[in-house]
Amino acid sequence: MTKDVVIPGLGSSDESKEVRILHSLKEKTRTCKKAKPSSEVETNKVNVEIESPVDGLLRVINA
């Protein structure tokens, strides 16, 4: 079963419509642990680490 990682709303306003993945903290085919950082993203205002929603295997990075 696959699980999409959805980037949460970032910042106090909804101005930041564009989000860029700075880098993945895990390589493809590596194990991710729930609530542990899996990637780092940026908007025009903030850089944030995104946590894995479940334990599992990172299969693909779409950006």
C-alpha atoms as a PDB file:
ATOM      1  CA  MET A   1       0.000   0.000   0.000  1.00  0.00           C
ATOM      2  CA  THR A   2       1.326   3.468  -0.827  1.00  0.00           C
ATOM      3  CA  LYS A   3       0.953   6.599   1.253  1.00  0.00           C
ATOM      4  CA  ASP A   4       1.377  10.114  -0.132  1.00  0.00           C
ATOM      5  CA  VAL A   5       3.256  12.632   1.963  1.00  0.00           C
ATOM      6  CA  VAL A   6       1.272  15.865   1.871  1.00  0.00           C
ATOM      7  CA  ILE A   7       3.064  19.093   2.665  1.00  0.00           C
ATOM      8  CA  PRO A   8       1.118  20.920   5.393  1.00  0.00           C
ATOM      9  CA  GLY A   9       0.191  24.586   5.224  1.00  0.00           C
ATOM     10  CA  LEU A  10       3.294  26.618   6.034  1.00  0.00           C
ATOM     11  CA  GLY A  11       3.318  30.066   7.563  1.00  0.00           C
ATOM     12  CA  SER A  12       0.582  32.233   8.987  1.00  0.00           C
ATOM     13  CA  SER A  13      -0.954  33.134   5.631  1.00  0.00           C
ATOM     14  CA  ASP A  14      -1.703  31.232   2.471  1.00  0.00           C
ATOM     15  CA  GLU A  15       0.651  33.411   0.397  1.00  0.00           C
ATOM     16  CA  SER A  16       3.220  30.658  -0.107  1.00  0.00           C
ATOM     17  CA  LYS A  17       1.634  28.660  -2.911  1.00  0.00           C
ATOM     18  CA  GLU A  18       4.986  27.459  -4.255  1.00  0.00           C
ATOM     19  CA  VAL A  19       7.001  24.912  -2.318  1.00  0.00           C
ATOM     20  CA  ARG A  20      10.370  23.592  -3.434  1.00  0.00           C
ATOM     21  CA  ILE A  21      11.989  20.396  -2.188  1.00  0.00           C
ATOM     22  CA  LEU A  22      15.475  21.411  -1.085  1.00  0.00           C
ATOM     23  CA  HIS A  23      16.604  17.850  -0.628  1.00  0.00           C
ATOM     24  CA  SER A  24      15.432  14.444   0.462  1.00  0.00           C
ATOM     25  CA  LEU A  25      16.871  13.293   3.761  1.00  0.00           C
ATOM     26  CA  LYS A  26      16.351   9.708   2.622  1.00  0.00           C
ATOM     27  CA  GLU A  27      17.403   8.052  -0.612  1.00  0.00           C
ATOM     28  CA  LYS A  28      14.925   6.070  -2.663  1.00  0.00           C
ATOM     29  CA  THR A  29      14.493   2.476  -1.441  1.00  0.00           C
ATOM     30  CA  ARG A  30      15.503   3.505   2.110  1.00  0.00           C
ATOM     31  CA  THR A  31      13.375   2.910   5.179  1.00  0.00           C
ATOM     32  CA  CYS A  32      11.517   5.853   6.718  1.00  0.00           C
ATOM     33  CA  LYS A  33      10.272   5.887  10.288  1.00  0.00           C
ATOM     34  CA  LYS A  34       7.000   7.525  11.306  1.00  0.00           C
ATOM     35  CA  ALA A  35       7.418  11.087  12.636  1.00  0.00           C
ATOM     36  CA  LYS A  36      11.083  11.243  11.534  1.00  0.00           C
ATOM     37  CA  PRO A  37      12.190  13.843   8.948  1.00  0.00           C
ATOM     38  CA  SER A  38      12.206  12.546   5.363  1.00  0.00           C
ATOM     39  CA  SER A  39      12.742  15.735   3.344  1.00  0.00           C
ATOM     40  CA  GLU A  40      13.332  19.467   3.633  1.00  0.00           C
ATOM     41  CA  VAL A  41      11.209  21.975   1.735  1.00  0.00           C
ATOM     42  CA  GLU A  42      11.225  25.744   1.355  1.00  0.00           C
ATOM     43  CA  THR A  43       8.767  28.492   0.573  1.00  0.00           C
ATOM     44  CA  ASN A  44       9.568  32.151   0.089  1.00  0.00           C
ATOM     45  CA  LYS A  45       9.365  32.549   3.882  1.00  0.00           C
ATOM     46  CA  VAL A  46      10.427  29.343   5.626  1.00  0.00           C
ATOM     47  CA  ASN A  47      12.451  26.107   5.383  1.00  0.00           C
ATOM     48  CA  VAL A  48      10.795  23.093   7.026  1.00  0.00           C
ATOM     49  CA  GLU A  49      11.585  19.416   7.512  1.00  0.00           C
ATOM     50  CA  ILE A  50       8.668  17.189   6.525  1.00  0.00           C
ATOM     51  CA  GLU A  51       8.081  14.113   8.661  1.00  0.00           C
ATOM     52  CA  SER A  52       7.127  10.695   7.360  1.00  0.00           C
ATOM     53  CA  PRO A  53       3.455   9.946   8.143  1.00  0.00           C
ATOM     54  CA  VAL A  54       4.098   6.175   8.471  1.00  0.00           C
ATOM     55  CA  ASP A  55       6.871   3.594   8.775  1.00  0.00           C
ATOM     56  CA  GLY A  56       7.791   2.327   5.347  1.00  0.00           C
ATOM     57  CA  LEU A  57      10.017   2.351   2.294  1.00  0.00           C
ATOM     58  CA  LEU A  58      10.594   5.491   0.221  1.00  0.00           C
ATOM     59  CA  ARG A  59       9.827   4.435  -3.343  1.00  0.00           C
ATOM     60  CA  VAL A  60       9.561   7.633  -5.363  1.00  0.00           C
ATOM     61  CA  ILE A  61      10.062  11.390  -4.993  1.00  0.00           C
ATOM     62  CA  ASN A  62       7.698  13.466  -7.163  1.00  0.00           C
ATOM     63  CA  ALA A  63       8.403  17.156  -7.366  1.00  0.00           C
END
